[in-house]
Amino acid sequence: MPVAPLPSDKVQAVAYMGPTTDTSHPNNVILLVSDAVTAIFGDGRCLSGAETCQLLELEPGIPETFIFGPESTRYKIVVFNPRSVPVGSFEPK
């Protein structure tokens, strides 16, 4: 699956990287956090980053709030029902 910027292509506070590889939490997802995020609030688990979190694991249904950019805009992201979808070739009729 390609990386998906959130909340949009123009405002990239985080990027959806895909499901976790941790088999004890198979529904969790991994987000890559932008350098422009100045604070994170929620129960996400930081997987990488010393002073600021760079890689965050989120559990479905639990909101995470990101403070982004020079205007300190708040974005709340909640993951609902993540699942893998097989991608195949598409042949128009």
PDB file of N, CA and C in Angstrom:
ATOM      1  N   MET A   1       0.838  -1.174   0.000  1.00  0.00           N
ATOM      2  CA  MET A   1       0.000   0.000   0.000  1.00  0.00           C
ATOM      3  C   MET A   1       0.887   1.243   0.000  1.00  0.00           C
ATOM      4  N   PRO A   2       0.567   2.211  -0.827  1.00  0.00           N
ATOM      5  CA  PRO A   2       1.354   3.442  -0.835  1.00  0.00           C
ATOM      6  C   PRO A   2       1.121   4.248   0.441  1.00  0.00           C
ATOM      7  N   VAL A   3       2.096   5.066   0.787  1.00  0.00           N
ATOM      8  CA  VAL A   3       1.984   5.939   1.942  1.00  0.00           C
ATOM      9  C   VAL A   3       0.847   6.928   1.695  1.00  0.00           C
ATOM     10  N   ALA A   4       0.023   7.173   2.725  1.00  0.00           N
ATOM     11  CA  ALA A   4      -1.121   8.080   2.592  1.00  0.00           C
ATOM     12  C   ALA A   4      -0.969   9.240   3.566  1.00  0.00           C
ATOM     13  N   PRO A   5      -0.777  10.480   3.060  1.00  0.00           N
ATOM     14  CA  PRO A   5      -0.645  11.638   3.940  1.00  0.00           C
ATOM     15  C   PRO A   5      -1.989  11.990   4.585  1.00  0.00           C
ATOM     16  N   LEU A   6      -1.935  12.349   5.870  1.00  0.00           N
ATOM     17  CA  LEU A   6      -3.133  12.722   6.608  1.00  0.00           C
ATOM     18  C   LEU A   6      -2.900  14.056   7.309  1.00  0.00           C
ATOM     19  N   PRO A   7      -3.858  14.942   7.367  1.00  0.00           N
ATOM     20  CA  PRO A   7      -5.249  14.785   6.961  1.00  0.00           C
ATOM     21  C   PRO A   7      -5.487  14.938   5.465  1.00  0.00           C
ATOM     22  N   SER A   8      -4.486  15.461   4.691  1.00  0.00           N
ATOM     23  CA  SER A   8      -4.682  15.596   3.246  1.00  0.00           C
ATOM     24  C   SER A   8      -3.331  15.657   2.543  1.00  0.00           C
ATOM     25  N   ASP A   9      -3.361  15.667   1.209  1.00  0.00           N
ATOM     26  CA  ASP A   9      -2.118  15.792   0.444  1.00  0.00           C
ATOM     27  C   ASP A   9      -1.437  17.137   0.683  1.00  0.00           C
ATOM     28  N   LYS A  10      -2.230  18.196   0.880  1.00  0.00           N
ATOM     29  CA  LYS A  10      -1.667  19.538   1.087  1.00  0.00           C
ATOM     30  C   LYS A  10      -1.183  19.761   2.509  1.00  0.00           C
ATOM     31  N   VAL A  11      -1.844  19.133   3.476  1.00  0.00           N
ATOM     32  CA  VAL A  11      -1.470  19.248   4.888  1.00  0.00           C
ATOM     33  C   VAL A  11      -1.048  17.862   5.351  1.00  0.00           C
ATOM     34  N   GLN A  12       0.261  17.648   5.459  1.00  0.00           N
ATOM     35  CA  GLN A  12       0.776  16.324   5.778  1.00  0.00           C
ATOM     36  C   GLN A  12       1.330  16.300   7.205  1.00  0.00           C
ATOM     37  N   ALA A  13       0.416  16.209   8.181  1.00  0.00           N
ATOM     38  CA  ALA A  13       0.831  16.132   9.578  1.00  0.00           C
ATOM     39  C   ALA A  13       1.447  14.764   9.871  1.00  0.00           C
ATOM     40  N   VAL A  14       0.816  13.727   9.345  1.00  0.00           N
ATOM     41  CA  VAL A  14       1.323  12.365   9.497  1.00  0.00           C
ATOM     42  C   VAL A  14       1.110  11.630   8.179  1.00  0.00           C
ATOM     43  N   ALA A  15       1.747  10.486   8.056  1.00  0.00           N
ATOM     44  CA  ALA A  15       1.543   9.634   6.883  1.00  0.00           C
ATOM     45  C   ALA A  15       1.235   8.224   7.360  1.00  0.00           C
ATOM     46  N   TYR A  16       0.145   7.669   6.853  1.00  0.00           N
ATOM     47  CA  TYR A  16      -0.218   6.286   7.154  1.00  0.00           C
ATOM     48  C   TYR A  16       0.770   5.369   6.447  1.00  0.00           C
ATOM     49  N   MET A  17       1.452   4.533   7.241  1.00  0.00           N
ATOM     50  CA  MET A  17       2.459   3.637   6.678  1.00  0.00           C
ATOM     51  C   MET A  17       1.938   2.220   6.464  1.00  0.00           C
ATOM     52  N   GLY A  18       0.894   1.852   7.213  1.00  0.00           N
ATOM     53  CA  GLY A  18       0.331   0.516   7.074  1.00  0.00           C
ATOM     54  C   GLY A  18       0.112  -0.128   8.424  1.00  0.00           C
ATOM     55  N   PRO A  19      -0.291  -1.392   8.414  1.00  0.00           N
ATOM     56  CA  PRO A  19      -0.537  -2.104   9.671  1.00  0.00           C
ATOM     57  C   PRO A  19       0.768  -2.432  10.381  1.00  0.00           C
ATOM     58  N   THR A  20       0.673  -2.596  11.682  1.00  0.00           N
ATOM     59  CA  THR A  20       1.841  -2.988  12.461  1.00  0.00           C
ATOM     60  C   THR A  20       2.242  -4.423  12.117  1.00  0.00           C
ATOM     61  N   THR A  21       3.475  -4.742  12.341  1.00  0.00           N
ATOM     62  CA  THR A  21       3.928  -6.126  12.146  1.00  0.00           C
ATOM     63  C   THR A  21       3.901  -6.888  13.467  1.00  0.00           C
ATOM     64  N   ASP A  22       3.503  -6.202  14.549  1.00  0.00           N
ATOM     65  CA  ASP A  22       3.393  -6.818  15.867  1.00  0.00           C
ATOM     66  C   ASP A  22       2.156  -7.714  15.900  1.00  0.00           C
ATOM     67  N   THR A  23       2.354  -9.016  15.957  1.00  0.00           N
ATOM     68  CA  THR A  23       1.232  -9.945  15.895  1.00  0.00           C
ATOM     69  C   THR A  23       0.360  -9.916  17.146  1.00  0.00           C
ATOM     70  N   SER A  24       0.851  -9.328  18.241  1.00  0.00           N
ATOM     71  CA  SER A  24       0.019  -9.228  19.443  1.00  0.00           C
ATOM     72  C   SER A  24      -0.975  -8.066  19.339  1.00  0.00           C
ATOM     73  N   HIS A  25      -0.782  -7.167  18.364  1.00  0.00           N
ATOM     74  CA  HIS A  25      -1.693  -6.046  18.108  1.00  0.00           C
ATOM     75  C   HIS A  25      -1.951  -5.934  16.602  1.00  0.00           C
ATOM     76  N   PRO A  26      -2.567  -6.938  15.996  1.00  0.00           N
ATOM     77  CA  PRO A  26      -2.663  -6.979  14.526  1.00  0.00           C
ATOM     78  C   PRO A  26      -3.520  -5.879  13.902  1.00  0.00           C
ATOM     79  N   ASN A  27      -4.386  -5.221  14.678  1.00  0.00           N
ATOM     80  CA  ASN A  27      -5.238  -4.177  14.114  1.00  0.00           C
ATOM     81  C   ASN A  27      -4.640  -2.785  14.231  1.00  0.00           C
ATOM     82  N   ASN A  28      -3.514  -2.660  14.928  1.00  0.00           N
ATOM     83  CA  ASN A  28      -2.881  -1.353  15.079  1.00  0.00           C
ATOM     84  C   ASN A  28      -2.222  -0.919  13.777  1.00  0.00           C
ATOM     85  N   VAL A  29      -2.051   0.397  13.622  1.00  0.00           N
ATOM     86  CA  VAL A  29      -1.430   0.947  12.418  1.00  0.00           C
ATOM     87  C   VAL A  29      -0.234   1.816  12.799  1.00  0.00           C
ATOM     88  N   ILE A  30       0.637   2.037  11.827  1.00  0.00           N
ATOM     89  CA  ILE A  30       1.840   2.837  12.024  1.00  0.00           C
ATOM     90  C   ILE A  30       1.701   4.146  11.251  1.00  0.00           C
ATOM     91  N   LEU A  31       2.024   5.262  11.928  1.00  0.00           N
ATOM     92  CA  LEU A  31       2.028   6.578  11.306  1.00  0.00           C
ATOM     93  C   LEU A  31       3.433   7.173  11.392  1.00  0.00           C
ATOM     94  N   LEU A  32       3.868   7.776  10.296  1.00  0.00           N
ATOM     95  CA  LEU A  32       5.107   8.536  10.254  1.00  0.00           C
ATOM     96  C   LEU A  32       4.739   9.976  10.582  1.00  0.00           C
ATOM     97  N   VAL A  33       5.388  10.565  11.593  1.00  0.00           N
ATOM     98  CA  VAL A  33       5.029  11.893  12.078  1.00  0.00           C
ATOM     99  C   VAL A  33       5.909  12.945  11.407  1.00  0.00           C
ATOM    100  N   SER A  34       5.284  14.000  10.897  1.00  0.00           N
ATOM    101  CA  SER A  34       5.993  15.095  10.237  1.00  0.00           C
ATOM    102  C   SER A  34       6.869  15.859  11.234  1.00  0.00           C
ATOM    103  N   ASP A  35       7.963  16.420  10.740  1.00  0.00           N
ATOM    104  CA  ASP A  35       8.814  17.289  11.561  1.00  0.00           C
ATOM    105  C   ASP A  35       8.074  18.550  11.981  1.00  0.00           C
ATOM    106  N   ALA A  36       6.999  18.900  11.266  1.00  0.00           N
ATOM    107  CA  ALA A  36       6.214  20.094  11.583  1.00  0.00           C
ATOM    108  C   ALA A  36       5.223  19.868  12.724  1.00  0.00           C
ATOM    109  N   VAL A  37       5.097  18.633  13.205  1.00  0.00           N
ATOM    110  CA  VAL A  37       4.255  18.354  14.365  1.00  0.00           C
ATOM    111  C   VAL A  37       5.048  18.726  15.607  1.00  0.00           C
ATOM    112  N   THR A  38       4.463  19.617  16.427  1.00  0.00           N
ATOM    113  CA  THR A  38       5.168  20.101  17.614  1.00  0.00           C
ATOM    114  C   THR A  38       4.722  19.409  18.894  1.00  0.00           C
ATOM    115  N   ALA A  39       3.568  18.735  18.868  1.00  0.00           N
ATOM    116  CA  ALA A  39       3.091  18.010  20.048  1.00  0.00           C
ATOM    117  C   ALA A  39       2.100  16.930  19.619  1.00  0.00           C
ATOM    118  N   ILE A  40       2.055  15.864  20.426  1.00  0.00           N
ATOM    119  CA  ILE A  40       1.133  14.749  20.185  1.00  0.00           C
ATOM    120  C   ILE A  40       0.448  14.435  21.507  1.00  0.00           C
ATOM    121  N   PHE A  41      -0.886  14.295  21.464  1.00  0.00           N
ATOM    122  CA  PHE A  41      -1.657  13.970  22.650  1.00  0.00           C
ATOM    123  C   PHE A  41      -2.527  12.761  22.369  1.00  0.00           C
ATOM    124  N   GLY A  42      -2.456  11.764  23.227  1.00  0.00           N
ATOM    125  CA  GLY A  42      -3.266  10.571  23.069  1.00  0.00           C
ATOM    126  C   GLY A  42      -2.533   9.369  23.628  1.00  0.00           C
ATOM    127  N   ASP A  43      -3.074   8.205  23.350  1.00  0.00           N
ATOM    128  CA  ASP A  43      -2.527   6.961  23.888  1.00  0.00           C
ATOM    129  C   ASP A  43      -1.691   6.187  22.883  1.00  0.00           C
ATOM    130  N   GLY A  44      -1.322   6.816  21.773  1.00  0.00           N
ATOM    131  CA  GLY A  44      -0.463   6.150  20.797  1.00  0.00           C
ATOM    132  C   GLY A  44       0.879   5.800  21.418  1.00  0.00           C
ATOM    133  N   ARG A  45       1.516   4.797  20.858  1.00  0.00           N
ATOM    134  CA  ARG A  45       2.811   4.346  21.371  1.00  0.00           C
ATOM    135  C   ARG A  45       3.912   4.781  20.418  1.00  0.00           C
ATOM    136  N   CYS A  46       4.853   5.585  20.931  1.00  0.00           N
ATOM    137  CA  CYS A  46       5.968   6.047  20.116  1.00  0.00           C
ATOM    138  C   CYS A  46       6.942   4.893  19.899  1.00  0.00           C
ATOM    139  N   LEU A  47       7.223   4.589  18.639  1.00  0.00           N
ATOM    140  CA  LEU A  47       8.134   3.496  18.307  1.00  0.00           C
ATOM    141  C   LEU A  47       9.541   3.978  18.008  1.00  0.00           C
ATOM    142  N   SER A  48       9.661   5.267  17.632  1.00  0.00           N
ATOM    143  CA  SER A  48      10.970   5.802  17.272  1.00  0.00           C
ATOM    144  C   SER A  48      10.975   7.311  17.457  1.00  0.00           C
ATOM    145  N   GLY A  49      12.088   7.794  17.991  1.00  0.00           N
ATOM    146  CA  GLY A  49      12.251   9.223  18.187  1.00  0.00           C
ATOM    147  C   GLY A  49      12.731   9.504  19.599  1.00  0.00           C
ATOM    148  N   ALA A  50      13.785  10.280  19.720  1.00  0.00           N
ATOM    149  CA  ALA A  50      14.352  10.575  21.033  1.00  0.00           C
ATOM    150  C   ALA A  50      13.617  11.731  21.711  1.00  0.00           C
ATOM    151  N   GLU A  51      13.671  12.912  21.111  1.00  0.00           N
ATOM    152  CA  GLU A  51      13.014  14.072  21.714  1.00  0.00           C
ATOM    153  C   GLU A  51      11.601  14.254  21.192  1.00  0.00           C
ATOM    154  N   THR A  52      11.382  13.952  19.937  1.00  0.00           N
ATOM    155  CA  THR A  52      10.039  14.009  19.362  1.00  0.00           C
ATOM    156  C   THR A  52       9.752  12.671  18.691  1.00  0.00           C
ATOM    157  N   CYS A  53       8.498  12.278  18.745  1.00  0.00           N
ATOM    158  CA  CYS A  53       8.118  10.997  18.155  1.00  0.00           C
ATOM    159  C   CYS A  53       8.122  11.102  16.635  1.00  0.00           C
ATOM    160  N   GLN A  54       8.758  10.146  15.994  1.00  0.00           N
ATOM    161  CA  GLN A  54       8.821  10.120  14.537  1.00  0.00           C
ATOM    162  C   GLN A  54       7.971   8.997  13.942  1.00  0.00           C
ATOM    163  N   LEU A  55       7.772   7.946  14.714  1.00  0.00           N
ATOM    164  CA  LEU A  55       7.003   6.786  14.265  1.00  0.00           C
ATOM    165  C   LEU A  55       6.057   6.401  15.391  1.00  0.00           C
ATOM    166  N   LEU A  56       4.758   6.397  15.099  1.00  0.00           N
ATOM    167  CA  LEU A  56       3.742   6.223  16.131  1.00  0.00           C
ATOM    168  C   LEU A  56       2.827   5.058  15.788  1.00  0.00           C
ATOM    169  N   GLU A  57       2.544   4.232  16.781  1.00  0.00           N
ATOM    170  CA  GLU A  57       1.606   3.116  16.611  1.00  0.00           C
ATOM    171  C   GLU A  57       0.275   3.508  17.250  1.00  0.00           C
ATOM    172  N   LEU A  58      -0.816   3.365  16.484  1.00  0.00           N
ATOM    173  CA  LEU A  58      -2.146   3.710  16.972  1.00  0.00           C
ATOM    174  C   LEU A  58      -3.049   2.492  17.009  1.00  0.00           C
ATOM    175  N   GLU A  59      -3.919   2.488  18.021  1.00  0.00           N
ATOM    176  CA  GLU A  59      -4.925   1.449  18.165  1.00  0.00           C
ATOM    177  C   GLU A  59      -6.242   1.970  17.595  1.00  0.00           C
ATOM    178  N   PRO A  60      -6.982   1.140  16.881  1.00  0.00           N
ATOM    179  CA  PRO A  60      -8.262   1.581  16.316  1.00  0.00           C
ATOM    180  C   PRO A  60      -9.220   2.088  17.401  1.00  0.00           C
ATOM    181  N   GLY A  61      -9.943   3.168  17.057  1.00  0.00           N
ATOM    182  CA  GLY A  61     -10.946   3.720  17.937  1.00  0.00           C
ATOM    183  C   GLY A  61     -10.436   4.688  18.988  1.00  0.00           C
ATOM    184  N   ILE A  62      -9.126   4.809  19.136  1.00  0.00           N
ATOM    185  CA  ILE A  62      -8.537   5.692  20.141  1.00  0.00           C
ATOM    186  C   ILE A  62      -8.037   6.954  19.436  1.00  0.00           C
ATOM    187  N   PRO A  63      -8.582   8.144  19.778  1.00  0.00           N
ATOM    188  CA  PRO A  63      -8.158   9.371  19.094  1.00  0.00           C
ATOM    189  C   PRO A  63      -6.747   9.801  19.471  1.00  0.00           C
ATOM    190  N   GLU A  64      -6.081  10.399  18.518  1.00  0.00           N
ATOM    191  CA  GLU A  64      -4.748  10.979  18.715  1.00  0.00           C
ATOM    192  C   GLU A  64      -4.804  12.388  18.141  1.00  0.00           C
ATOM    193  N   THR A  65      -4.307  13.372  18.891  1.00  0.00           N
ATOM    194  CA  THR A  65      -4.328  14.762  18.450  1.00  0.00           C
ATOM    195  C   THR A  65      -2.905  15.217  18.154  1.00  0.00           C
ATOM    196  N   PHE A  66      -2.741  15.897  17.010  1.00  0.00           N
ATOM    197  CA  PHE A  66      -1.443  16.397  16.574  1.00  0.00           C
ATOM    198  C   PHE A  66      -1.504  17.919  16.475  1.00  0.00           C
ATOM    199  N   ILE A  67      -0.506  18.604  17.025  1.00  0.00           N
ATOM    200  CA  ILE A  67      -0.371  20.055  16.869  1.00  0.00           C
ATOM    201  C   ILE A  67       0.623  20.254  15.739  1.00  0.00           C
ATOM    202  N   PHE A  68       0.182  20.950  14.687  1.00  0.00           N
ATOM    203  CA  PHE A  68       0.937  20.985  13.432  1.00  0.00           C
ATOM    204  C   PHE A  68       1.197  22.406  12.955  1.00  0.00           C
ATOM    205  N   GLY A  69       2.423  22.660  12.524  1.00  0.00           N
ATOM    206  CA  GLY A  69       2.788  23.883  11.818  1.00  0.00           C
ATOM    207  C   GLY A  69       2.903  25.128  12.675  1.00  0.00           C
ATOM    208  N   PRO A  70       3.292  26.223  12.032  1.00  0.00           N
ATOM    209  CA  PRO A  70       3.527  27.477  12.745  1.00  0.00           C
ATOM    210  C   PRO A  70       2.252  28.080  13.331  1.00  0.00           C
ATOM    211  N   GLU A  71       1.098  27.701  12.811  1.00  0.00           N
ATOM    212  CA  GLU A  71      -0.181  28.197  13.340  1.00  0.00           C
ATOM    213  C   GLU A  71      -0.692  27.324  14.488  1.00  0.00           C
ATOM    214  N   SER A  72       0.046  26.254  14.819  1.00  0.00           N
ATOM    215  CA  SER A  72      -0.355  25.298  15.869  1.00  0.00           C
ATOM    216  C   SER A  72      -1.766  24.761  15.650  1.00  0.00           C
ATOM    217  N   THR A  73      -2.033  24.349  14.415  1.00  0.00           N
ATOM    218  CA  THR A  73      -3.327  23.778  14.058  1.00  0.00           C
ATOM    219  C   THR A  73      -3.445  22.390  14.671  1.00  0.00           C
ATOM    220  N   ARG A  74      -4.626  22.098  15.234  1.00  0.00           N
ATOM    221  CA  ARG A  74      -4.876  20.787  15.845  1.00  0.00           C
ATOM    222  C   ARG A  74      -5.592  19.871  14.848  1.00  0.00           C
ATOM    223  N   TYR A  75      -5.086  18.654  14.732  1.00  0.00           N
ATOM    224  CA  TYR A  75      -5.728  17.621  13.925  1.00  0.00           C
ATOM    225  C   TYR A  75      -5.935  16.399  14.796  1.00  0.00           C
ATOM    226  N   LYS A  76      -7.169  15.920  14.838  1.00  0.00           N
ATOM    227  CA  LYS A  76      -7.473  14.701  15.588  1.00  0.00           C
ATOM    228  C   LYS A  76      -7.686  13.584  14.576  1.00  0.00           C
ATOM    229  N   ILE A  77      -6.980  12.491  14.782  1.00  0.00           N
ATOM    230  CA  ILE A  77      -7.088  11.349  13.887  1.00  0.00           C
ATOM    231  C   ILE A  77      -7.538  10.145  14.700  1.00  0.00           C
ATOM    232  N   VAL A  78      -8.567   9.469  14.186  1.00  0.00           N
ATOM    233  CA  VAL A  78      -9.056   8.233  14.781  1.00  0.00           C
ATOM    234  C   VAL A  78      -9.064   7.179  13.680  1.00  0.00           C
ATOM    235  N   VAL A  79      -8.444   6.056  13.943  1.00  0.00           N
ATOM    236  CA  VAL A  79      -8.403   4.958  12.984  1.00  0.00           C
ATOM    237  C   VAL A  79      -9.615   4.065  13.243  1.00  0.00           C
ATOM    238  N   PHE A  80     -10.380   3.788  12.203  1.00  0.00           N
ATOM    239  CA  PHE A  80     -11.536   2.902  12.308  1.00  0.00           C
ATOM    240  C   PHE A  80     -11.354   1.713  11.386  1.00  0.00           C
ATOM    241  N   ASN A  81     -11.513   0.516  11.905  1.00  0.00           N
ATOM    242  CA  ASN A  81     -11.575  -0.704  11.106  1.00  0.00           C
ATOM    243  C   ASN A  81     -10.468  -0.832  10.049  1.00  0.00           C
ATOM    244  N   PRO A  82      -9.201  -0.770  10.460  1.00  0.00           N
ATOM    245  CA  PRO A  82      -8.133  -0.940   9.464  1.00  0.00           C
ATOM    246  C   PRO A  82      -8.096  -2.381   8.970  1.00  0.00           C
ATOM    247  N   ARG A  83      -7.824  -2.532   7.700  1.00  0.00           N
ATOM    248  CA  ARG A  83      -7.726  -3.874   7.122  1.00  0.00           C
ATOM    249  C   ARG A  83      -6.906  -3.807   5.846  1.00  0.00           C
ATOM    250  N   SER A  84      -6.287  -4.908   5.539  1.00  0.00           N
ATOM    251  CA  SER A  84      -5.530  -5.007   4.294  1.00  0.00           C
ATOM    252  C   SER A  84      -6.482  -5.339   3.159  1.00  0.00           C
ATOM    253  N   VAL A  85      -6.273  -4.709   2.050  1.00  0.00           N
ATOM    254  CA  VAL A  85      -7.088  -4.961   0.867  1.00  0.00           C
ATOM    255  C   VAL A  85      -6.148  -5.364  -0.255  1.00  0.00           C
ATOM    256  N   PRO A  86      -6.341  -6.556  -0.829  1.00  0.00           N
ATOM    257  CA  PRO A  86      -5.468  -6.972  -1.918  1.00  0.00           C
ATOM    258  C   PRO A  86      -5.642  -6.065  -3.132  1.00  0.00           C
ATOM    259  N   VAL A  87      -4.539  -5.739  -3.750  1.00  0.00           N
ATOM    260  CA  VAL A  87      -4.563  -4.876  -4.932  1.00  0.00           C
ATOM    261  C   VAL A  87      -4.103  -5.714  -6.113  1.00  0.00           C
ATOM    262  N   GLY A  88      -4.899  -5.715  -7.154  1.00  0.00           N
ATOM    263  CA  GLY A  88      -4.555  -6.475  -8.334  1.00  0.00           C
ATOM    264  C   GLY A  88      -4.603  -5.579  -9.555  1.00  0.00           C
ATOM    265  N   SER A  89      -4.372  -6.160 -10.667  1.00  0.00           N
ATOM    266  CA  SER A  89      -4.433  -5.377 -11.891  1.00  0.00           C
ATOM    267  C   SER A  89      -5.895  -5.081 -12.221  1.00  0.00           C
ATOM    268  N   PHE A  90      -6.116  -3.952 -12.795  1.00  0.00           N
ATOM    269  CA  PHE A  90      -7.473  -3.543 -13.172  1.00  0.00           C
ATOM    270  C   PHE A  90      -7.533  -3.480 -14.679  1.00  0.00           C
ATOM    271  N   GLU A  91      -8.486  -4.189 -15.235  1.00  0.00           N
ATOM    272  CA  GLU A  91      -8.675  -4.174 -16.676  1.00  0.00           C
ATOM    273  C   GLU A  91     -10.058  -3.616 -16.981  1.00  0.00           C
ATOM    274  N   PRO A  92     -10.117  -2.408 -17.527  1.00  0.00           N
ATOM    275  CA  PRO A  92     -11.431  -1.832 -17.854  1.00  0.00           C
ATOM    276  C   PRO A  92     -12.128  -2.662 -18.931  1.00  0.00           C
ATOM    277  N   LYS A  93     -13.450  -2.657 -18.867  1.00  0.00           N
ATOM    278  CA  LYS A  93     -14.239  -3.422 -19.836  1.00  0.00           C
ATOM    279  C   LYS A  93     -14.528  -2.588 -21.051  1.00  0.00           C
TER     280      LYS A  93
END
